[in-house]
């Protein structure tokens, strides 16, 4: 079995069918979007008229929901108003009808950009929310799948709860601590905040899969004592086992199957249990490791993903001189030459670095 097969975990079709038949799932959705005169195809004099227009359009289409102002949304060229539609609580099955209907409304009267998101609030009538194992849920959310579909959600827009868990061994629970994580624990439900970005309302097939994945994982994390995601099992690897994998990787000068499979799941390079091993490396070992990472050029997006994780790691490196040497080595023209400099600057800026 390939390494990637070990760590990738899919929700089974029969689990999805069971969830859809379960009347006890409760779903509430928050849709964020932008409306202006051009998208509405009429003059909207002020914020109140924009809200009234959205409410009228919802009533015309027999859609239920509360229309709210959202100051966190930034319209392009400051033209328009940030709008949030909050649906009433509904069944999981009904949500599969309501979401695309409201997406169609957004397409007809507004638009979405990088500052807009879709928040899914999930609960179950027969689940005591205190019984949910947040670690199991966090380790199975597959935030990377969201970022592949919606790359703008990486970084400041929504911090990965999965990576928070990997870095700290805990899952944030307090309002201030977890408000901008991809998973936000409330008193009696979980808010999934990872989905969003430009044109998210045009990605219903992908969002539908994410919603059903959330529902099944949420239920298993609360009710099945044997449920443990394969990612969580991987997290459980001992430091010795991880060191053995890293030794094998670093001894290879070319990409073999082991390396190629491991590269597909880059965040396992940066698991905290191996950080002590990394911190003891000398500069020559760092060079070998980063040459190996950045020579894997399957596609351009992977380069930015790897760079993001490397910057995260450098935040843990206490030796500033060594950190600066690594940055200088990574940001050589041979490595970054063909990639988008503005994109690279943006990643560095997120980590308070301004070198290029």
Foldseek 3Di string as FASTA:
>chain_A
DFPLVLADDADDPVLLVVLQPAQFKKKKKKWKFWFACVLQVHHQPDPVSVLVSLVVVCVVVVHAWDKDFDPQDQDVVNGTGMIMTIHDIGGPNVCLVRLLVVLVVCNRGTFFALSIWMKMKIAGPPFQLVQFDVLQLLLQLPLVLQCVVAVSLDFPQADRQNVVCLAPVDGDADCVPHVRHQWYDDNGIIMGTRGGHGPSSVVSVSVSSSSSSSSSSRVCSRPPPPDHRSSNVVSVDALVVVVVLVVVQLVDPDDDSNNVSCLVVVCVVVGPNNLVVVQPDDLVSLLSVLCSNLVPPPDQVSNLVNLLSVLVSLVVHPDVVSSVVSVVSCPDCVRCVVDDPVSVQVSCVSSVHDDD
